[in-house]
Amino acid sequence: MSGEHDEGRGAFGPFGPPFGGGPGGRPGPPWARGGFGGPPWARGGRRGRRGRRGDVRASLLALLKERPMHGYEMIAEIAERSGGAWRPSPGSVYPTLQLLEEEGLITVEESGGKRLVSLTGAGRAEAEAGPDEPWAEAGQEVDWAAVQEVGQALGAVDNAVRQVMMTGTEAQRAKGLEVLNEARKKLYLILAEDA
């Protein structure tokens, strides 16, 4: 996890930059910069039978119930346990780990040049209350109508963000960033609710 994955991490916490930037400050993928009409999964271009992605947050907590792990190790474990149907990307795993750390559910310590992730007491309680194998849902058919609806909503939010950031005052831009961070946390909390 050294080298490329360590570049450009400083300003974004221990797990690296958010979706909009690549390693070393290089630009992220076009959809993260507002190009090409949104992220690939929301554009509906590939309509074949594709597997649904699993619950990243629940999967990380379930794995950490067994033992402390490194981020890349968790990605590999999920891929193996889902039978190859789902391999979460670093762009979904590391921001989730950062949020879990902010919530006090995990601790992160350096070990052999890598970041070893462990559950806190509160994290273990949440993990025990969650599913044992949340990756088992991966590979089920995607609801493309819902995906398209989400893509449209993301496009509208993207336009609103651009307007605030380009034409708003410094105070308005700061408030807009607060709204985005709060929305991110609330979205993750949805996954923690009872179905």
Foldseek 3Di string as FASTA:
>chain_A
DPDQQPAQAVVPPDLRDAQQAGGNRHGHDQQSVVPPQHDPLLVCPDPDFAWDFFQLLLQVLLVLLVDWDFQVVSQVVLCVVLVNRYRDDSNPNSVSLVVCVVVQQWDWDDDPNTIIIHGDPVNNVLNVVGDNNRSPRTSHGDPNVVSNVVSVVVSVVVVVLVCCVPPNDPVSNVVVVVVVVVVVVVVSVVVSDDD
